[in-house]
């Protein structure tokens, strides 16, 4: 083949490619747009899932801090000689419990017991309430958040100290 034949062949291939490009360009751009929308939707969904995971991790950290506070509260009670709980300690327990209530309510339905008129409930001593609190503390896991309802009930009852 001569140089001119090669040149004509190259020009033909280039023109044929250009013709094909203009012929299929609308389909390519349409597919590109659809793929771009799908990518944006999948990225938005991924971002939402990541935000939920981060929110759940923050909630778990705050619940772990609360459970750590309960552990310290129980340890202080067991170390004290007279087994009396001071008014300030009761206030701190209630305040910490109230601070964590919004986090708890995201994950479980709050169903704690609190009745000022129940005579049997107020016959329980501080020792009984501490043992109830300790049992609920021992039952707590990230999978068993329902034990927090018992902890809330005990914290409210300990604060009242109505005997």
C-alpha atoms as a PDB file:
ATOM      1  CA  UNK A   1       0.000   0.000   0.000  1.00  0.00           C
ATOM      2  CA  UNK A   2       1.109   3.425  -0.814  1.00  0.00           C
ATOM      3  CA  UNK A   3       1.297   6.312   1.544  1.00  0.00           C
ATOM      4  CA  UNK A   4      -1.798   7.901   0.024  1.00  0.00           C
ATOM      5  CA  UNK A   5      -3.749   4.677   0.524  1.00  0.00           C
ATOM      6  CA  UNK A   6      -2.744   4.661   4.189  1.00  0.00           C
ATOM      7  CA  UNK A   7      -3.634   8.315   4.484  1.00  0.00           C
ATOM      8  CA  UNK A   8      -7.065   7.749   2.952  1.00  0.00           C
ATOM      9  CA  UNK A   9      -7.624   4.760   5.233  1.00  0.00           C
ATOM     10  CA  UNK A  10      -6.695   6.789   8.327  1.00  0.00           C
ATOM     11  CA  UNK A  11      -8.910   9.695   7.241  1.00  0.00           C
ATOM     12  CA  UNK A  12     -11.754   7.261   6.620  1.00  0.00           C
ATOM     13  CA  UNK A  13     -11.350   5.694  10.068  1.00  0.00           C
ATOM     14  CA  UNK A  14     -11.248   9.099  11.705  1.00  0.00           C
ATOM     15  CA  UNK A  15     -14.330  10.304   9.839  1.00  0.00           C
ATOM     16  CA  UNK A  16     -16.161   7.061  10.505  1.00  0.00           C
ATOM     17  CA  UNK A  17     -15.316   7.385  14.202  1.00  0.00           C
ATOM     18  CA  UNK A  18     -16.553  10.996  14.199  1.00  0.00           C
ATOM     19  CA  UNK A  19     -19.744   9.970  12.473  1.00  0.00           C
ATOM     20  CA  UNK A  20     -20.288   7.185  14.981  1.00  0.00           C
ATOM     21  CA  UNK A  21     -19.558   9.569  17.843  1.00  0.00           C
ATOM     22  CA  UNK A  22     -22.203  12.050  16.716  1.00  0.00           C
ATOM     23  CA  UNK A  23     -24.619   9.223  16.105  1.00  0.00           C
ATOM     24  CA  UNK A  24     -24.271   7.670  19.584  1.00  0.00           C
ATOM     25  CA  UNK A  25     -23.391  10.812  21.571  1.00  0.00           C
ATOM     26  CA  UNK A  26     -26.969  11.407  22.871  1.00  0.00           C
ATOM     27  CA  UNK A  27     -27.167   7.835  24.163  1.00  0.00           C
ATOM     28  CA  UNK A  28     -23.780   8.152  25.836  1.00  0.00           C
ATOM     29  CA  UNK A  29     -24.719  11.429  27.545  1.00  0.00           C
ATOM     30  CA  UNK A  30     -28.063  10.009  28.660  1.00  0.00           C
ATOM     31  CA  UNK A  31     -26.371   6.962  30.183  1.00  0.00           C
ATOM     32  CA  UNK A  32     -23.755   9.191  31.748  1.00  0.00           C
ATOM     33  CA  UNK A  33     -26.470  11.335  33.341  1.00  0.00           C
ATOM     34  CA  UNK A  34     -28.343   8.295  34.659  1.00  0.00           C
ATOM     35  CA  UNK A  35     -25.176   6.798  36.080  1.00  0.00           C
ATOM     36  CA  UNK A  36     -24.342  10.133  37.708  1.00  0.00           C
ATOM     37  CA  UNK A  37     -27.785  10.293  39.350  1.00  0.00           C
ATOM     38  CA  UNK A  38     -27.433   6.718  40.571  1.00  0.00           C
ATOM     39  CA  UNK A  39     -24.012   7.484  41.983  1.00  0.00           C
ATOM     40  CA  UNK A  40     -25.330  10.592  43.772  1.00  0.00           C
ATOM     41  CA  UNK A  41     -28.245   8.630  45.232  1.00  0.00           C
ATOM     42  CA  UNK A  42     -25.998   5.824  46.413  1.00  0.00           C
ATOM     43  CA  UNK A  43     -23.559   8.319  47.927  1.00  0.00           C
ATOM     44  CA  UNK A  44     -26.416  10.114  49.701  1.00  0.00           C
ATOM     45  CA  UNK A  45     -27.704   6.811  51.068  1.00  0.00           C
ATOM     46  CA  UNK A  46     -24.207   5.848  52.182  1.00  0.00           C
ATOM     47  CA  UNK A  47     -23.807   9.207  53.908  1.00  0.00           C
ATOM     48  CA  UNK A  48     -27.133   8.751  55.730  1.00  0.00           C
ATOM     49  CA  UNK A  49     -26.105   5.268  56.849  1.00  0.00           C
ATOM     50  CA  UNK A  50     -22.756   6.589  58.062  1.00  0.00           C
ATOM     51  CA  UNK A  51     -24.504   9.396  59.957  1.00  0.00           C
ATOM     52  CA  UNK A  52     -26.786   6.862  61.639  1.00  0.00           C
ATOM     53  CA  UNK A  53     -23.815   4.711  62.584  1.00  0.00           C
ATOM     54  CA  UNK A  54     -21.980   7.722  64.030  1.00  0.00           C
ATOM     55  CA  UNK A  55     -25.115   8.765  65.958  1.00  0.00           C
ATOM     56  CA  UNK A  56     -25.520   5.248  67.345  1.00  0.00           C
ATOM     57  CA  UNK A  57     -21.861   5.165  68.358  1.00  0.00           C
ATOM     58  CA  UNK A  58     -22.258   8.495  70.185  1.00  0.00           C
ATOM     59  CA  UNK A  59     -25.326   7.135  71.957  1.00  0.00           C
ATOM     60  CA  UNK A  60     -23.477   3.986  72.987  1.00  0.00           C
ATOM     61  CA  UNK A  61     -20.611   6.083  74.356  1.00  0.00           C
ATOM     62  CA  UNK A  62     -22.985   8.231  76.420  1.00  0.00           C
ATOM     63  CA  UNK A  63     -24.792   5.118  77.696  1.00  0.00           C
ATOM     64  CA  UNK A  64     -21.451   3.572  78.618  1.00  0.00           C
ATOM     65  CA  UNK A  65     -20.519   6.747  80.513  1.00  0.00           C
ATOM     66  CA  UNK A  66     -23.839   6.578  82.371  1.00  0.00           C
ATOM     67  CA  UNK A  67     -23.329   2.917  83.244  1.00  0.00           C
ATOM     68  CA  UNK A  68     -19.818   3.781  84.410  1.00  0.00           C
ATOM     69  CA  UNK A  69     -21.356   6.437  86.668  1.00  0.00           C
ATOM     70  CA  UNK A  70     -23.778   3.836  88.063  1.00  0.00           C
ATOM     71  CA  UNK A  71     -20.840   1.508  88.690  1.00  0.00           C
ATOM     72  CA  UNK A  72     -18.994   4.264  90.593  1.00  0.00           C
ATOM     73  CA  UNK A  73     -22.177   5.052  92.538  1.00  0.00           C
ATOM     74  CA  UNK A  74     -22.529   1.416  93.574  1.00  0.00           C
ATOM     75  CA  UNK A  75     -18.854   1.143  94.506  1.00  0.00           C
ATOM     76  CA  UNK A  76     -19.072   4.266  96.687  1.00  0.00           C
ATOM     77  CA  UNK A  77     -22.141   2.843  98.392  1.00  0.00           C
ATOM     78  CA  UNK A  78     -20.468  -0.494  99.119  1.00  0.00           C
ATOM     79  CA  UNK A  79     -17.305   1.207 100.406  1.00  0.00           C
ATOM     80  CA  UNK A  80     -19.113   3.507 102.813  1.00  0.00           C
ATOM     81  CA  UNK A  81     -19.303   2.392 106.414  1.00  0.00           C
ATOM     82  CA  UNK A  82     -22.716   3.633 107.403  1.00  0.00           C
ATOM     83  CA  UNK A  83     -24.442   2.736 104.081  1.00  0.00           C
ATOM     84  CA  UNK A  84     -26.227   6.086 103.989  1.00  0.00           C
ATOM     85  CA  UNK A  85     -26.609   7.909 100.719  1.00  0.00           C
ATOM     86  CA  UNK A  86     -26.147  11.643 100.977  1.00  0.00           C
ATOM     87  CA  UNK A  87     -28.654  14.101  99.577  1.00  0.00           C
ATOM     88  CA  UNK A  88     -26.083  15.454  97.127  1.00  0.00           C
ATOM     89  CA  UNK A  89     -25.287  11.974  95.828  1.00  0.00           C
ATOM     90  CA  UNK A  90     -28.996  11.311  95.321  1.00  0.00           C
ATOM     91  CA  UNK A  91     -29.332  14.623  93.446  1.00  0.00           C
ATOM     92  CA  UNK A  92     -26.330  13.791  91.231  1.00  0.00           C
ATOM     93  CA  UNK A  93     -27.767  10.379  90.428  1.00  0.00           C
ATOM     94  CA  UNK A  94     -31.088  11.897  89.407  1.00  0.00           C
ATOM     95  CA  UNK A  95     -29.435  14.668  87.376  1.00  0.00           C
ATOM     96  CA  UNK A  96     -27.212  12.217  85.501  1.00  0.00           C
ATOM     97  CA  UNK A  97     -30.222   9.992  84.844  1.00  0.00           C
ATOM     98  CA  UNK A  98     -32.250  12.892  83.465  1.00  0.00           C
ATOM     99  CA  UNK A  99     -29.370  13.939  81.205  1.00  0.00           C
ATOM    100  CA  UNK A 100     -29.217  10.501  79.600  1.00  0.00           C
ATOM    101  CA  UNK A 101     -33.001  10.067  79.175  1.00  0.00           C
ATOM    102  CA  UNK A 102     -33.121  11.533  75.615  1.00  0.00           C
ATOM    103  CA  UNK A 103     -30.464   9.069  74.502  1.00  0.00           C
ATOM    104  CA  UNK A 104     -32.222   6.140  76.152  1.00  0.00           C
ATOM    105  CA  UNK A 105     -35.571   7.102  74.651  1.00  0.00           C
ATOM    106  CA  UNK A 106     -34.096   6.865  71.137  1.00  0.00           C
ATOM    107  CA  UNK A 107     -33.394   3.164  71.559  1.00  0.00           C
ATOM    108  CA  UNK A 108     -36.062   1.810  73.892  1.00  0.00           C
ATOM    109  CA  UNK A 109     -39.499   2.767  75.023  1.00  0.00           C
ATOM    110  CA  UNK A 110     -39.303   4.237  78.497  1.00  0.00           C
ATOM    111  CA  UNK A 111     -41.387   2.071  80.791  1.00  0.00           C
ATOM    112  CA  UNK A 112     -40.219   2.711  84.319  1.00  0.00           C
ATOM    113  CA  UNK A 113     -42.245   2.489  87.511  1.00  0.00           C
ATOM    114  CA  UNK A 114     -42.851   5.590  89.589  1.00  0.00           C
ATOM    115  CA  UNK A 115     -45.896   6.056  91.812  1.00  0.00           C
ATOM    116  CA  UNK A 116     -45.912   8.403  94.774  1.00  0.00           C
ATOM    117  CA  UNK A 117     -49.036   6.782  96.242  1.00  0.00           C
ATOM    118  CA  UNK A 118     -47.750   3.213  96.229  1.00  0.00           C
ATOM    119  CA  UNK A 119     -47.169   2.278  99.873  1.00  0.00           C
ATOM    120  CA  UNK A 120     -45.342  -0.964  99.033  1.00  0.00           C
ATOM    121  CA  UNK A 121     -42.885   0.824  96.733  1.00  0.00           C
ATOM    122  CA  UNK A 122     -41.937   3.266  99.473  1.00  0.00           C
ATOM    123  CA  UNK A 123     -41.567   0.527 102.077  1.00  0.00           C
ATOM    124  CA  UNK A 124     -38.437  -0.575 100.226  1.00  0.00           C
ATOM    125  CA  UNK A 125     -35.312   0.627 101.983  1.00  0.00           C
ATOM    126  CA  UNK A 126     -32.258   2.173 100.390  1.00  0.00           C
ATOM    127  CA  UNK A 127     -30.554  -1.193 100.676  1.00  0.00           C
ATOM    128  CA  UNK A 128     -33.367  -2.798  98.659  1.00  0.00           C
ATOM    129  CA  UNK A 129     -33.167  -0.067  96.022  1.00  0.00           C
ATOM    130  CA  UNK A 130     -29.393  -0.431  95.783  1.00  0.00           C
ATOM    131  CA  UNK A 131     -29.759  -4.186  95.272  1.00  0.00           C
ATOM    132  CA  UNK A 132     -32.368  -3.480  92.557  1.00  0.00           C
ATOM    133  CA  UNK A 133     -30.017  -0.967  90.962  1.00  0.00           C
ATOM    134  CA  UNK A 134     -27.143  -3.435  91.155  1.00  0.00           C
ATOM    135  CA  UNK A 135     -29.216  -6.211  89.554  1.00  0.00           C
ATOM    136  CA  UNK A 136     -30.228  -3.904  86.700  1.00  0.00           C
ATOM    137  CA  UNK A 137     -26.608  -2.787  86.308  1.00  0.00           C
ATOM    138  CA  UNK A 138     -25.466  -6.406  86.036  1.00  0.00           C
ATOM    139  CA  UNK A 139     -28.200  -7.160  83.471  1.00  0.00           C
ATOM    140  CA  UNK A 140     -27.221  -4.239  81.245  1.00  0.00           C
ATOM    141  CA  UNK A 141     -25.681  -4.967  77.854  1.00  0.00           C
ATOM    142  CA  UNK A 142     -25.776  -3.080  74.563  1.00  0.00           C
ATOM    143  CA  UNK A 143     -28.321  -5.644  73.412  1.00  0.00           C
ATOM    144  CA  UNK A 144     -30.404  -5.504  76.609  1.00  0.00           C
ATOM    145  CA  UNK A 145     -31.182  -1.823  77.059  1.00  0.00           C
ATOM    146  CA  UNK A 146     -34.478  -2.574  78.832  1.00  0.00           C
ATOM    147  CA  UNK A 147     -32.637  -2.878  82.127  1.00  0.00           C
ATOM    148  CA  UNK A 148     -32.227   0.904  81.957  1.00  0.00           C
ATOM    149  CA  UNK A 149     -35.931   1.249  82.839  1.00  0.00           C
ATOM    150  CA  UNK A 150     -35.222  -0.429  86.179  1.00  0.00           C
ATOM    151  CA  UNK A 151     -32.208   1.817  86.725  1.00  0.00           C
ATOM    152  CA  UNK A 152     -34.370   4.893  86.081  1.00  0.00           C
ATOM    153  CA  UNK A 153     -37.011   3.652  88.549  1.00  0.00           C
ATOM    154  CA  UNK A 154     -34.398   3.042  91.221  1.00  0.00           C
ATOM    155  CA  UNK A 155     -32.779   6.448  90.650  1.00  0.00           C
ATOM    156  CA  UNK A 156     -36.144   8.208  91.014  1.00  0.00           C
ATOM    157  CA  UNK A 157     -37.029   6.266  94.131  1.00  0.00           C
ATOM    158  CA  UNK A 158     -33.628   6.866  95.718  1.00  0.00           C
ATOM    159  CA  UNK A 159     -34.008  10.590  95.129  1.00  0.00           C
ATOM    160  CA  UNK A 160     -37.405  10.759  96.845  1.00  0.00           C
ATOM    161  CA  UNK A 161     -36.336   9.008 100.041  1.00  0.00           C
ATOM    162  CA  UNK A 162     -39.940   9.218 101.269  1.00  0.00           C
ATOM    163  CA  UNK A 163     -40.361   6.874 104.196  1.00  0.00           C
END
